[in-house]
Amino acid sequence: MANEKTGGISPIVGYTDVEKALEWLEKAFGFEVKAVHRDDDGNIVHTEMRHGDGVFMLSGGNPGKAANYVVVTDPDAHHDRAKAAGAEIFRELADQDYGSRDYAARDLDGNEWYFGTYRP
C-alpha cells in the first residue's frame, strides 16, 4: 500500500431532494456545480459541487447524514487491510461502470467510509 496518502478525501452529504439542494447550495453559499449524472429516467445518480479546490458529493434519501469518500491507489490491498482490522464491509470491492474500483465500510461508531480510485 505504498503511496496511499496521495489521495484526497471528499465528504458525501445526504439530502432529501438533491436537485433542490444543488440549486440552494449554489445560491446560498456560492458552491459551483461540478458534475451531475442522471440515469435513463432523468433521476440524479451522482453529483459533485466545488468551492475553490475543494469538492464534495451529494447523495439522495439520507437527509442529514454525512460520509466520506477517500481516494486510494490500491483498493484491493486497502480493502483487505480494513477487513483484517475488523471494519464492517457493507459494499464489497467491485469495479464500477464509471471506472472506479471501490468498496464501502463502517468504522467502530458506524460512520460510513467509501474507498476507491475515483477522483472527484
PDB file of N, CA and C in Angstrom:
ATOM      1  N   MET A   1       0.829  -1.184   0.000  1.00  0.00           N
ATOM      2  CA  MET A   1       0.000   0.000   0.000  1.00  0.00           C
ATOM      3  C   MET A   1       0.873   1.248   0.000  1.00  0.00           C
ATOM      4  N   ALA A   2       1.950   1.188  -0.691  1.00  0.00           N
ATOM      5  CA  ALA A   2       2.816   2.360  -0.799  1.00  0.00           C
ATOM      6  C   ALA A   2       2.068   3.511  -1.443  1.00  0.00           C
ATOM      7  N   ASN A   3       2.374   4.703  -0.982  1.00  0.00           N
ATOM      8  CA  ASN A   3       1.840   5.922  -1.589  1.00  0.00           C
ATOM      9  C   ASN A   3       0.334   6.099  -1.375  1.00  0.00           C
ATOM     10  N   GLU A   4      -0.244   5.443  -0.385  1.00  0.00           N
ATOM     11  CA  GLU A   4      -1.680   5.579  -0.132  1.00  0.00           C
ATOM     12  C   GLU A   4      -2.068   6.992   0.246  1.00  0.00           C
ATOM     13  N   LYS A   5      -1.174   7.764   0.809  1.00  0.00           N
ATOM     14  CA  LYS A   5      -1.516   9.084   1.321  1.00  0.00           C
ATOM     15  C   LYS A   5      -1.565  10.153   0.238  1.00  0.00           C
ATOM     16  N   THR A   6      -1.528   9.773  -1.022  1.00  0.00           N
ATOM     17  CA  THR A   6      -1.598  10.758  -2.100  1.00  0.00           C
ATOM     18  C   THR A   6      -3.027  11.101  -2.474  1.00  0.00           C
ATOM     19  N   GLY A   7      -4.002  10.334  -2.013  1.00  0.00           N
ATOM     20  CA  GLY A   7      -5.397  10.566  -2.370  1.00  0.00           C
ATOM     21  C   GLY A   7      -6.042  11.645  -1.521  1.00  0.00           C
ATOM     22  N   GLY A   8      -7.169  12.160  -2.009  1.00  0.00           N
ATOM     23  CA  GLY A   8      -7.913  13.171  -1.275  1.00  0.00           C
ATOM     24  C   GLY A   8      -9.103  12.567  -0.560  1.00  0.00           C
ATOM     25  N   ILE A   9      -9.727  13.371   0.291  1.00  0.00           N
ATOM     26  CA  ILE A   9     -10.939  12.964   0.993  1.00  0.00           C
ATOM     27  C   ILE A   9     -12.038  13.949   0.624  1.00  0.00           C
ATOM     28  N   SER A  10     -13.174  13.418   0.180  1.00  0.00           N
ATOM     29  CA  SER A  10     -14.319  14.253  -0.178  1.00  0.00           C
ATOM     30  C   SER A  10     -15.520  13.846   0.651  1.00  0.00           C
ATOM     31  N   PRO A  11     -16.152  14.789   1.337  1.00  0.00           N
ATOM     32  CA  PRO A  11     -17.368  14.463   2.083  1.00  0.00           C
ATOM     33  C   PRO A  11     -18.529  14.142   1.148  1.00  0.00           C
ATOM     34  N   ILE A  12     -19.429  13.305   1.623  1.00  0.00           N
ATOM     35  CA  ILE A  12     -20.671  12.975   0.923  1.00  0.00           C
ATOM     36  C   ILE A  12     -21.798  13.403   1.859  1.00  0.00           C
ATOM     37  N   VAL A  13     -22.626  14.344   1.417  1.00  0.00           N
ATOM     38  CA  VAL A  13     -23.672  14.904   2.267  1.00  0.00           C
ATOM     39  C   VAL A  13     -25.039  14.460   1.741  1.00  0.00           C
ATOM     40  N   GLY A  14     -25.896  13.968   2.630  1.00  0.00           N
ATOM     41  CA  GLY A  14     -27.198  13.453   2.230  1.00  0.00           C
ATOM     42  C   GLY A  14     -28.295  14.507   2.256  1.00  0.00           C
ATOM     43  N   TYR A  15     -29.158  14.466   1.248  1.00  0.00           N
ATOM     44  CA  TYR A  15     -30.292  15.386   1.124  1.00  0.00           C
ATOM     45  C   TYR A  15     -31.540  14.625   0.691  1.00  0.00           C
ATOM     46  N   THR A  16     -32.687  15.103   1.115  1.00  0.00           N
ATOM     47  CA  THR A  16     -33.952  14.530   0.686  1.00  0.00           C
ATOM     48  C   THR A  16     -34.185  14.800  -0.796  1.00  0.00           C
ATOM     49  N   ASP A  17     -33.917  16.029  -1.231  1.00  0.00           N
ATOM     50  CA  ASP A  17     -34.119  16.449  -2.619  1.00  0.00           C
ATOM     51  C   ASP A  17     -32.807  17.016  -3.145  1.00  0.00           C
ATOM     52  N   VAL A  18     -32.042  16.190  -3.842  1.00  0.00           N
ATOM     53  CA  VAL A  18     -30.722  16.585  -4.324  1.00  0.00           C
ATOM     54  C   VAL A  18     -30.823  17.730  -5.329  1.00  0.00           C
ATOM     55  N   GLU A  19     -31.809  17.689  -6.202  1.00  0.00           N
ATOM     56  CA  GLU A  19     -31.994  18.747  -7.206  1.00  0.00           C
ATOM     57  C   GLU A  19     -32.156  20.112  -6.523  1.00  0.00           C
ATOM     58  N   LYS A  20     -33.025  20.146  -5.539  1.00  0.00           N
ATOM     59  CA  LYS A  20     -33.274  21.386  -4.802  1.00  0.00           C
ATOM     60  C   LYS A  20     -32.025  21.811  -4.023  1.00  0.00           C
ATOM     61  N   ALA A  21     -31.330  20.840  -3.431  1.00  0.00           N
ATOM     62  CA  ALA A  21     -30.122  21.136  -2.661  1.00  0.00           C
ATOM     63  C   ALA A  21     -29.041  21.751  -3.543  1.00  0.00           C
ATOM     64  N   LEU A  22     -28.874  21.232  -4.755  1.00  0.00           N
ATOM     65  CA  LEU A  22     -27.880  21.789  -5.680  1.00  0.00           C
ATOM     66  C   LEU A  22     -28.129  23.276  -5.921  1.00  0.00           C
ATOM     67  N   GLU A  23     -29.365  23.582  -6.223  1.00  0.00           N
ATOM     68  CA  GLU A  23     -29.732  24.980  -6.501  1.00  0.00           C
ATOM     69  C   GLU A  23     -29.526  25.854  -5.259  1.00  0.00           C
ATOM     70  N   TRP A  24     -29.982  25.359  -4.110  1.00  0.00           N
ATOM     71  CA  TRP A  24     -29.896  26.146  -2.888  1.00  0.00           C
ATOM     72  C   TRP A  24     -28.442  26.369  -2.461  1.00  0.00           C
ATOM     73  N   LEU A  25     -27.624  25.330  -2.506  1.00  0.00           N
ATOM     74  CA  LEU A  25     -26.221  25.447  -2.100  1.00  0.00           C
ATOM     75  C   LEU A  25     -25.459  26.424  -2.996  1.00  0.00           C
ATOM     76  N   GLU A  26     -25.828  26.451  -4.263  1.00  0.00           N
ATOM     77  CA  GLU A  26     -25.208  27.401  -5.188  1.00  0.00           C
ATOM     78  C   GLU A  26     -25.632  28.831  -4.836  1.00  0.00           C
ATOM     79  N   LYS A  27     -26.929  29.014  -4.616  1.00  0.00           N
ATOM     80  CA  LYS A  27     -27.476  30.341  -4.314  1.00  0.00           C
ATOM     81  C   LYS A  27     -27.019  30.846  -2.946  1.00  0.00           C
ATOM     82  N   ALA A  28     -27.096  29.992  -1.944  1.00  0.00           N
ATOM     83  CA  ALA A  28     -26.812  30.413  -0.576  1.00  0.00           C
ATOM     84  C   ALA A  28     -25.325  30.540  -0.264  1.00  0.00           C
ATOM     85  N   PHE A  29     -24.531  29.592  -0.725  1.00  0.00           N
ATOM     86  CA  PHE A  29     -23.131  29.544  -0.323  1.00  0.00           C
ATOM     87  C   PHE A  29     -22.146  29.790  -1.462  1.00  0.00           C
ATOM     88  N   GLY A  30     -22.644  29.882  -2.683  1.00  0.00           N
ATOM     89  CA  GLY A  30     -21.766  30.128  -3.821  1.00  0.00           C
ATOM     90  C   GLY A  30     -20.998  28.910  -4.295  1.00  0.00           C
ATOM     91  N   PHE A  31     -21.417  27.701  -3.867  1.00  0.00           N
ATOM     92  CA  PHE A  31     -20.754  26.496  -4.361  1.00  0.00           C
ATOM     93  C   PHE A  31     -21.068  26.341  -5.845  1.00  0.00           C
ATOM     94  N   GLU A  32     -20.130  25.771  -6.597  1.00  0.00           N
ATOM     95  CA  GLU A  32     -20.313  25.544  -8.030  1.00  0.00           C
ATOM     96  C   GLU A  32     -20.692  24.104  -8.295  1.00  0.00           C
ATOM     97  N   VAL A  33     -21.640  23.894  -9.195  1.00  0.00           N
ATOM     98  CA  VAL A  33     -21.964  22.539  -9.621  1.00  0.00           C
ATOM     99  C   VAL A  33     -20.839  22.084 -10.539  1.00  0.00           C
ATOM    100  N   LYS A  34     -20.192  20.997 -10.172  1.00  0.00           N
ATOM    101  CA  LYS A  34     -19.090  20.456 -10.972  1.00  0.00           C
ATOM    102  C   LYS A  34     -19.582  19.347 -11.891  1.00  0.00           C
ATOM    103  N   ALA A  35     -20.475  18.486 -11.384  1.00  0.00           N
ATOM    104  CA  ALA A  35     -20.965  17.351 -12.177  1.00  0.00           C
ATOM    105  C   ALA A  35     -22.331  16.913 -11.682  1.00  0.00           C
ATOM    106  N   VAL A  36     -23.189  16.575 -12.628  1.00  0.00           N
ATOM    107  CA  VAL A  36     -24.490  15.972 -12.325  1.00  0.00           C
ATOM    108  C   VAL A  36     -24.683  14.833 -13.321  1.00  0.00           C
ATOM    109  N   HIS A  37     -24.803  13.617 -12.811  1.00  0.00           N
ATOM    110  CA  HIS A  37     -25.017  12.446 -13.666  1.00  0.00           C
ATOM    111  C   HIS A  37     -26.404  11.894 -13.384  1.00  0.00           C
ATOM    112  N   ARG A  38     -27.121  11.601 -14.455  1.00  0.00           N
ATOM    113  CA  ARG A  38     -28.505  11.117 -14.342  1.00  0.00           C
ATOM    114  C   ARG A  38     -28.643   9.742 -14.977  1.00  0.00           C
ATOM    115  N   ASP A  39     -29.653   8.997 -14.512  1.00  0.00           N
ATOM    116  CA  ASP A  39     -29.953   7.716 -15.140  1.00  0.00           C
ATOM    117  C   ASP A  39     -30.848   7.942 -16.354  1.00  0.00           C
ATOM    118  N   ASP A  40     -31.262   6.882 -16.996  1.00  0.00           N
ATOM    119  CA  ASP A  40     -32.079   6.983 -18.214  1.00  0.00           C
ATOM    120  C   ASP A  40     -33.428   7.653 -17.982  1.00  0.00           C
ATOM    121  N   ASP A  41     -33.907   7.648 -16.740  1.00  0.00           N
ATOM    122  CA  ASP A  41     -35.184   8.287 -16.409  1.00  0.00           C
ATOM    123  C   ASP A  41     -35.019   9.741 -15.966  1.00  0.00           C
ATOM    124  N   GLY A  42     -33.787  10.230 -15.968  1.00  0.00           N
ATOM    125  CA  GLY A  42     -33.534  11.613 -15.582  1.00  0.00           C
ATOM    126  C   GLY A  42     -33.286  11.825 -14.096  1.00  0.00           C
ATOM    127  N   ASN A  43     -33.270  10.738 -13.320  1.00  0.00           N
ATOM    128  CA  ASN A  43     -33.010  10.844 -11.882  1.00  0.00           C
ATOM    129  C   ASN A  43     -31.527  11.048 -11.630  1.00  0.00           C
ATOM    130  N   ILE A  44     -31.197  11.907 -10.689  1.00  0.00           N
ATOM    131  CA  ILE A  44     -29.800  12.139 -10.346  1.00  0.00           C
ATOM    132  C   ILE A  44     -29.234  10.903  -9.643  1.00  0.00           C
ATOM    133  N   VAL A  45     -28.088  10.427 -10.133  1.00  0.00           N
ATOM    134  CA  VAL A  45     -27.425   9.278  -9.510  1.00  0.00           C
ATOM    135  C   VAL A  45     -26.091   9.668  -8.882  1.00  0.00           C
ATOM    136  N   HIS A  46     -25.543  10.806  -9.291  1.00  0.00           N
ATOM    137  CA  HIS A  46     -24.278  11.270  -8.724  1.00  0.00           C
ATOM    138  C   HIS A  46     -24.144  12.764  -8.962  1.00  0.00           C
ATOM    139  N   THR A  47     -23.672  13.482  -7.942  1.00  0.00           N
ATOM    140  CA  THR A  47     -23.440  14.920  -8.089  1.00  0.00           C
ATOM    141  C   THR A  47     -22.155  15.305  -7.375  1.00  0.00           C
ATOM    142  N   GLU A  48     -21.564  16.378  -7.863  1.00  0.00           N
ATOM    143  CA  GLU A  48     -20.383  16.936  -7.216  1.00  0.00           C
ATOM    144  C   GLU A  48     -20.507  18.455  -7.256  1.00  0.00           C
ATOM    145  N   MET A  49     -20.093  19.083  -6.161  1.00  0.00           N
ATOM    146  CA  MET A  49     -20.027  20.545  -6.108  1.00  0.00           C
ATOM    147  C   MET A  49     -18.632  20.910  -5.642  1.00  0.00           C
ATOM    148  N   ARG A  50     -18.226  22.134  -5.969  1.00  0.00           N
ATOM    149  CA  ARG A  50     -16.895  22.553  -5.554  1.00  0.00           C
ATOM    150  C   ARG A  50     -16.919  23.950  -4.962  1.00  0.00           C
ATOM    151  N   HIS A  51     -15.886  24.183  -4.177  1.00  0.00           N
ATOM    152  CA  HIS A  51     -15.610  25.509  -3.638  1.00  0.00           C
ATOM    153  C   HIS A  51     -14.094  25.641  -3.705  1.00  0.00           C
ATOM    154  N   GLY A  52     -13.598  26.437  -4.648  1.00  0.00           N
ATOM    155  CA  GLY A  52     -12.160  26.508  -4.870  1.00  0.00           C
ATOM    156  C   GLY A  52     -11.652  25.146  -5.301  1.00  0.00           C
ATOM    157  N   ASP A  53     -10.652  24.628  -4.595  1.00  0.00           N
ATOM    158  CA  ASP A  53     -10.104  23.305  -4.914  1.00  0.00           C
ATOM    159  C   ASP A  53     -10.843  22.180  -4.191  1.00  0.00           C
ATOM    160  N   GLY A  54     -11.740  22.524  -3.268  1.00  0.00           N
ATOM    161  CA  GLY A  54     -12.462  21.517  -2.505  1.00  0.00           C
ATOM    162  C   GLY A  54     -13.660  20.977  -3.264  1.00  0.00           C
ATOM    163  N   VAL A  55     -13.901  19.688  -3.117  1.00  0.00           N
ATOM    164  CA  VAL A  55     -15.034  19.033  -3.783  1.00  0.00           C
ATOM    165  C   VAL A  55     -15.795  18.200  -2.759  1.00  0.00           C
ATOM    166  N   PHE A  56     -17.135  18.254  -2.843  1.00  0.00           N
ATOM    167  CA  PHE A  56     -17.956  17.349  -2.052  1.00  0.00           C
ATOM    168  C   PHE A  56     -19.042  16.776  -2.941  1.00  0.00           C
ATOM    169  N   MET A  57     -19.616  15.663  -2.506  1.00  0.00           N
ATOM    170  CA  MET A  57     -20.647  14.976  -3.269  1.00  0.00           C
ATOM    171  C   MET A  57     -21.957  15.011  -2.485  1.00  0.00           C
ATOM    172  N   LEU A  58     -23.070  14.906  -3.195  1.00  0.00           N
ATOM    173  CA  LEU A  58     -24.394  14.878  -2.580  1.00  0.00           C
ATOM    174  C   LEU A  58     -25.027  13.526  -2.861  1.00  0.00           C
ATOM    175  N   SER A  59     -25.754  13.008  -1.884  1.00  0.00           N
ATOM    176  CA  SER A  59     -26.492  11.769  -2.084  1.00  0.00           C
ATOM    177  C   SER A  59     -27.945  11.993  -1.698  1.00  0.00           C
ATOM    178  N   GLY A  60     -28.835  11.246  -2.300  1.00  0.00           N
ATOM    179  CA  GLY A  60     -30.258  11.377  -2.030  1.00  0.00           C
ATOM    180  C   GLY A  60     -30.751  10.358  -1.032  1.00  0.00           C
ATOM    181  N   GLY A  61     -31.840  10.708  -0.361  1.00  0.00           N
ATOM    182  CA  GLY A  61     -32.509   9.765   0.526  1.00  0.00           C
ATOM    183  C   GLY A  61     -31.907   9.623   1.904  1.00  0.00           C
ATOM    184  N   ASN A  62     -30.858  10.381   2.210  1.00  0.00           N
ATOM    185  CA  ASN A  62     -30.226  10.291   3.516  1.00  0.00           C
ATOM    186  C   ASN A  62     -30.065  11.675   4.131  1.00  0.00           C
ATOM    187  N   PRO A  63     -31.163  12.393   4.359  1.00  0.00           N
ATOM    188  CA  PRO A  63     -31.035  13.758   4.861  1.00  0.00           C
ATOM    189  C   PRO A  63     -30.289  13.833   6.186  1.00  0.00           C
ATOM    190  N   GLY A  64     -29.371  14.782   6.265  1.00  0.00           N
ATOM    191  CA  GLY A  64     -28.625  14.999   7.485  1.00  0.00           C
ATOM    192  C   GLY A  64     -27.494  14.025   7.720  1.00  0.00           C
ATOM    193  N   LYS A  65     -27.338  13.055   6.842  1.00  0.00           N
ATOM    194  CA  LYS A  65     -26.301  12.052   7.006  1.00  0.00           C
ATOM    195  C   LYS A  65     -25.076  12.445   6.184  1.00  0.00           C
ATOM    196  N   ALA A  66     -23.905  12.218   6.731  1.00  0.00           N
ATOM    197  CA  ALA A  66     -22.675  12.508   6.004  1.00  0.00           C
ATOM    198  C   ALA A  66     -21.760  11.299   6.049  1.00  0.00           C
ATOM    199  N   ALA A  67     -20.946  11.151   5.013  1.00  0.00           N
ATOM    200  CA  ALA A  67     -19.957  10.085   4.911  1.00  0.00           C
ATOM    201  C   ALA A  67     -18.738  10.695   4.232  1.00  0.00           C
ATOM    202  N   ASN A  68     -17.722   9.892   3.984  1.00  0.00           N
ATOM    203  CA  ASN A  68     -16.524  10.380   3.316  1.00  0.00           C
ATOM    204  C   ASN A  68     -16.087   9.417   2.231  1.00  0.00           C
ATOM    205  N   TYR A  69     -15.585   9.987   1.129  1.00  0.00           N
ATOM    206  CA  TYR A  69     -15.000   9.194   0.059  1.00  0.00           C
ATOM    207  C   TYR A  69     -13.503   9.484   0.068  1.00  0.00           C
ATOM    208  N   VAL A  70     -12.700   8.426   0.104  1.00  0.00           N
ATOM    209  CA  VAL A  70     -11.251   8.565   0.166  1.00  0.00           C
ATOM    210  C   VAL A  70     -10.632   7.903  -1.056  1.00  0.00           C
ATOM    211  N   VAL A  71      -9.806   8.656  -1.773  1.00  0.00           N
ATOM    212  CA  VAL A  71      -9.119   8.122  -2.948  1.00  0.00           C
ATOM    213  C   VAL A  71      -7.932   7.290  -2.478  1.00  0.00           C
ATOM    214  N   VAL A  72      -7.861   6.054  -2.955  1.00  0.00           N
ATOM    215  CA  VAL A  72      -6.732   5.169  -2.654  1.00  0.00           C
ATOM    216  C   VAL A  72      -6.183   4.607  -3.963  1.00  0.00           C
ATOM    217  N   THR A  73      -4.892   4.328  -3.982  1.00  0.00           N
ATOM    218  CA  THR A  73      -4.268   3.830  -5.208  1.00  0.00           C
ATOM    219  C   THR A  73      -4.414   2.328  -5.381  1.00  0.00           C
ATOM    220  N   ASP A  74      -4.566   1.601  -4.279  1.00  0.00           N
ATOM    221  CA  ASP A  74      -4.687   0.141  -4.341  1.00  0.00           C
ATOM    222  C   ASP A  74      -5.882  -0.299  -3.493  1.00  0.00           C
ATOM    223  N   PRO A  75      -7.087  -0.199  -4.068  1.00  0.00           N
ATOM    224  CA  PRO A  75      -8.278  -0.522  -3.267  1.00  0.00           C
ATOM    225  C   PRO A  75      -8.333  -1.972  -2.792  1.00  0.00           C
ATOM    226  N   ASP A  76      -7.740  -2.886  -3.532  1.00  0.00           N
ATOM    227  CA  ASP A  76      -7.754  -4.291  -3.105  1.00  0.00           C
ATOM    228  C   ASP A  76      -6.977  -4.469  -1.805  1.00  0.00           C
ATOM    229  N   ALA A  77      -5.759  -3.931  -1.752  1.00  0.00           N
ATOM    230  CA  ALA A  77      -4.946  -4.030  -0.539  1.00  0.00           C
ATOM    231  C   ALA A  77      -5.600  -3.256   0.603  1.00  0.00           C
ATOM    232  N   HIS A  78      -6.184  -2.104   0.289  1.00  0.00           N
ATOM    233  CA  HIS A  78      -6.837  -1.290   1.313  1.00  0.00           C
ATOM    234  C   HIS A  78      -8.024  -2.042   1.906  1.00  0.00           C
ATOM    235  N   HIS A  79      -8.831  -2.659   1.048  1.00  0.00           N
ATOM    236  CA  HIS A  79      -9.980  -3.464   1.475  1.00  0.00           C
ATOM    237  C   HIS A  79      -9.536  -4.583   2.407  1.00  0.00           C
ATOM    238  N   ASP A  80      -8.493  -5.304   1.997  1.00  0.00           N
ATOM    239  CA  ASP A  80      -8.014  -6.431   2.795  1.00  0.00           C
ATOM    240  C   ASP A  80      -7.521  -5.970   4.167  1.00  0.00           C
ATOM    241  N   ARG A  81      -6.851  -4.821   4.204  1.00  0.00           N
ATOM    242  CA  ARG A  81      -6.357  -4.270   5.461  1.00  0.00           C
ATOM    243  C   ARG A  81      -7.528  -3.905   6.376  1.00  0.00           C
ATOM    244  N   ALA A  82      -8.536  -3.221   5.820  1.00  0.00           N
ATOM    245  CA  ALA A  82      -9.695  -2.808   6.610  1.00  0.00           C
ATOM    246  C   ALA A  82     -10.446  -4.020   7.159  1.00  0.00           C
ATOM    247  N   LYS A  83     -10.625  -5.021   6.311  1.00  0.00           N
ATOM    248  CA  LYS A  83     -11.346  -6.224   6.724  1.00  0.00           C
ATOM    249  C   LYS A  83     -10.591  -6.954   7.840  1.00  0.00           C
ATOM    250  N   ALA A  84      -9.269  -7.050   7.697  1.00  0.00           N
ATOM    251  CA  ALA A  84      -8.454  -7.722   8.713  1.00  0.00           C
ATOM    252  C   ALA A  84      -8.510  -6.981  10.055  1.00  0.00           C
ATOM    253  N   ALA A  85      -8.713  -5.668   9.998  1.00  0.00           N
ATOM    254  CA  ALA A  85      -8.792  -4.871  11.225  1.00  0.00           C
ATOM    255  C   ALA A  85     -10.186  -4.888  11.841  1.00  0.00           C
ATOM    256  N   GLY A  86     -11.133  -5.558  11.177  1.00  0.00           N
ATOM    257  CA  GLY A  86     -12.478  -5.687  11.727  1.00  0.00           C
ATOM    258  C   GLY A  86     -13.486  -4.680  11.222  1.00  0.00           C
ATOM    259  N   ALA A  87     -13.150  -3.920  10.164  1.00  0.00           N
ATOM    260  CA  ALA A  87     -14.120  -2.981   9.601  1.00  0.00           C
ATOM    261  C   ALA A  87     -15.311  -3.753   9.046  1.00  0.00           C
ATOM    262  N   GLU A  88     -16.499  -3.206   9.217  1.00  0.00           N
ATOM    263  CA  GLU A  88     -17.711  -3.815   8.666  1.00  0.00           C
ATOM    264  C   GLU A  88     -17.820  -3.396   7.201  1.00  0.00           C
ATOM    265  N   ILE A  89     -17.578  -4.332   6.297  1.00  0.00           N
ATOM    266  CA  ILE A  89     -17.669  -4.055   4.862  1.00  0.00           C
ATOM    267  C   ILE A  89     -19.137  -4.204   4.474  1.00  0.00           C
ATOM    268  N   PHE A  90     -19.788  -3.106   4.062  1.00  0.00           N
ATOM    269  CA  PHE A  90     -21.198  -3.203   3.697  1.00  0.00           C
ATOM    270  C   PHE A  90     -21.424  -3.091   2.187  1.00  0.00           C
ATOM    271  N   ARG A  91     -20.409  -2.744   1.443  1.00  0.00           N
ATOM    272  CA  ARG A  91     -20.458  -2.834  -0.025  1.00  0.00           C
ATOM    273  C   ARG A  91     -19.111  -3.389  -0.459  1.00  0.00           C
ATOM    274  N   GLU A  92     -19.153  -4.606  -0.977  1.00  0.00           N
ATOM    275  CA  GLU A  92     -17.922  -5.309  -1.332  1.00  0.00           C
ATOM    276  C   GLU A  92     -17.161  -4.620  -2.453  1.00  0.00           C
ATOM    277  N   LEU A  93     -15.882  -4.885  -2.506  1.00  0.00           N
ATOM    278  CA  LEU A  93     -14.986  -4.362  -3.516  1.00  0.00           C
ATOM    279  C   LEU A  93     -15.476  -4.751  -4.906  1.00  0.00           C
ATOM    280  N   ALA A  94     -15.593  -3.769  -5.806  1.00  0.00           N
ATOM    281  CA  ALA A  94     -16.098  -4.044  -7.153  1.00  0.00           C
ATOM    282  C   ALA A  94     -15.662  -2.950  -8.123  1.00  0.00           C
ATOM    283  N   ASP A  95     -15.578  -3.329  -9.384  1.00  0.00           N
ATOM    284  CA  ASP A  95     -15.335  -2.362 -10.455  1.00  0.00           C
ATOM    285  C   ASP A  95     -16.659  -1.683 -10.776  1.00  0.00           C
ATOM    286  N   GLN A  96     -16.646  -0.357 -10.859  1.00  0.00           N
ATOM    287  CA  GLN A  96     -17.858   0.415 -11.131  1.00  0.00           C
ATOM    288  C   GLN A  96     -17.923   0.799 -12.603  1.00  0.00           C
ATOM    289  N   ASP A  97     -19.119   1.053 -13.105  1.00  0.00           N
ATOM    290  CA  ASP A  97     -19.275   1.396 -14.529  1.00  0.00           C
ATOM    291  C   ASP A  97     -18.686   2.754 -14.879  1.00  0.00           C
ATOM    292  N   TYR A  98     -18.364   3.582 -13.885  1.00  0.00           N
ATOM    293  CA  TYR A  98     -17.763   4.886 -14.144  1.00  0.00           C
ATOM    294  C   TYR A  98     -16.234   4.833 -14.028  1.00  0.00           C
ATOM    295  N   GLY A  99     -15.673   3.623 -13.936  1.00  0.00           N
ATOM    296  CA  GLY A  99     -14.236   3.454 -13.986  1.00  0.00           C
ATOM    297  C   GLY A  99     -13.526   3.274 -12.654  1.00  0.00           C
ATOM    298  N   SER A 100     -14.212   3.433 -11.554  1.00  0.00           N
ATOM    299  CA  SER A 100     -13.574   3.288 -10.249  1.00  0.00           C
ATOM    300  C   SER A 100     -13.617   1.836  -9.791  1.00  0.00           C
ATOM    301  N   ARG A 101     -12.705   1.500  -8.927  1.00  0.00           N
ATOM    302  CA  ARG A 101     -12.759   0.227  -8.200  1.00  0.00           C
ATOM    303  C   ARG A 101     -12.857   0.648  -6.744  1.00  0.00           C
ATOM    304  N   ASP A 102     -13.943   0.265  -6.084  1.00  0.00           N
ATOM    305  CA  ASP A 102     -14.122   0.739  -4.722  1.00  0.00           C
ATOM    306  C   ASP A 102     -14.937  -0.204  -3.850  1.00  0.00           C
ATOM    307  N   TYR A 103     -14.984   0.154  -2.567  1.00  0.00           N
ATOM    308  CA  TYR A 103     -15.766  -0.591  -1.583  1.00  0.00           C
ATOM    309  C   TYR A 103     -16.199   0.394  -0.492  1.00  0.00           C
ATOM    310  N   ALA A 104     -17.082  -0.050   0.391  1.00  0.00           N
ATOM    311  CA  ALA A 104     -17.556   0.807   1.472  1.00  0.00           C
ATOM    312  C   ALA A 104     -17.540   0.032   2.788  1.00  0.00           C
ATOM    313  N   ALA A 105     -17.201   0.762   3.862  1.00  0.00           N
ATOM    314  CA  ALA A 105     -17.098   0.141   5.181  1.00  0.00           C
ATOM    315  C   ALA A 105     -17.604   1.093   6.256  1.00  0.00           C
ATOM    316  N   ARG A 106     -17.945   0.514   7.403  1.00  0.00           N
ATOM    317  CA  ARG A 106     -18.316   1.309   8.573  1.00  0.00           C
ATOM    318  C   ARG A 106     -17.204   1.195   9.609  1.00  0.00           C
ATOM    319  N   ASP A 107     -16.955   2.309  10.299  1.00  0.00           N
ATOM    320  CA  ASP A 107     -15.945   2.292  11.347  1.00  0.00           C
ATOM    321  C   ASP A 107     -16.568   1.841  12.666  1.00  0.00           C
ATOM    322  N   LEU A 108     -15.836   1.976  13.749  1.00  0.00           N
ATOM    323  CA  LEU A 108     -16.282   1.490  15.067  1.00  0.00           C
ATOM    324  C   LEU A 108     -17.585   2.116  15.538  1.00  0.00           C
ATOM    325  N   ASP A 109     -17.874   3.356  15.117  1.00  0.00           N
ATOM    326  CA  ASP A 109     -19.102   4.034  15.523  1.00  0.00           C
ATOM    327  C   ASP A 109     -20.170   4.039  14.435  1.00  0.00           C
ATOM    328  N   GLY A 110     -19.969   3.273  13.368  1.00  0.00           N
ATOM    329  CA  GLY A 110     -20.967   3.169  12.312  1.00  0.00           C
ATOM    330  C   GLY A 110     -20.886   4.240  11.233  1.00  0.00           C
ATOM    331  N   ASN A 111     -19.862   5.099  11.282  1.00  0.00           N
ATOM    332  CA  ASN A 111     -19.685   6.099  10.223  1.00  0.00           C
ATOM    333  C   ASN A 111     -19.316   5.394   8.925  1.00  0.00           C
ATOM    334  N   GLU A 112     -19.849   5.902   7.814  1.00  0.00           N
ATOM    335  CA  GLU A 112     -19.593   5.276   6.517  1.00  0.00           C
ATOM    336  C   GLU A 112     -18.391   5.890   5.827  1.00  0.00           C
ATOM    337  N   TRP A 113     -17.533   5.018   5.301  1.00  0.00           N
ATOM    338  CA  TRP A 113     -16.340   5.404   4.565  1.00  0.00           C
ATOM    339  C   TRP A 113     -16.343   4.651   3.237  1.00  0.00           C
ATOM    340  N   TYR A 114     -16.110   5.380   2.169  1.00  0.00           N
ATOM    341  CA  TYR A 114     -16.022   4.807   0.824  1.00  0.00           C
ATOM    342  C   TYR A 114     -14.597   4.990   0.344  1.00  0.00           C
ATOM    343  N   PHE A 115     -13.992   3.916  -0.170  1.00  0.00           N
ATOM    344  CA  PHE A 115     -12.613   3.953  -0.628  1.00  0.00           C
ATOM    345  C   PHE A 115     -12.556   3.466  -2.069  1.00  0.00           C
ATOM    346  N   GLY A 116     -11.818   4.184  -2.921  1.00  0.00           N
ATOM    347  CA  GLY A 116     -11.692   3.748  -4.296  1.00  0.00           C
ATOM    348  C   GLY A 116     -10.781   4.649  -5.113  1.00  0.00           C
ATOM    349  N   THR A 117     -10.738   4.349  -6.389  1.00  0.00           N
ATOM    350  CA  THR A 117      -9.820   5.034  -7.293  1.00  0.00           C
ATOM    351  C   THR A 117     -10.431   6.250  -7.973  1.00  0.00           C
ATOM    352  N   TYR A 118     -11.735   6.481  -7.814  1.00  0.00           N
ATOM    353  CA  TYR A 118     -12.396   7.633  -8.424  1.00  0.00           C
ATOM    354  C   TYR A 118     -11.872   8.930  -7.804  1.00  0.00           C
ATOM    355  N   ARG A 119     -11.564   9.903  -8.638  1.00  0.00           N
ATOM    356  CA  ARG A 119     -11.114  11.208  -8.143  1.00  0.00           C
ATOM    357  C   ARG A 119     -12.154  12.248  -8.463  1.00  0.00           C
ATOM    358  N   PRO A 120     -12.952  12.674  -7.452  1.00  0.00           N
ATOM    359  CA  PRO A 120     -13.980  13.679  -7.701  1.00  0.00           C
ATOM    360  C   PRO A 120     -13.372  14.995  -8.181  1.00  0.00           C
TER     361      PRO A 120
END
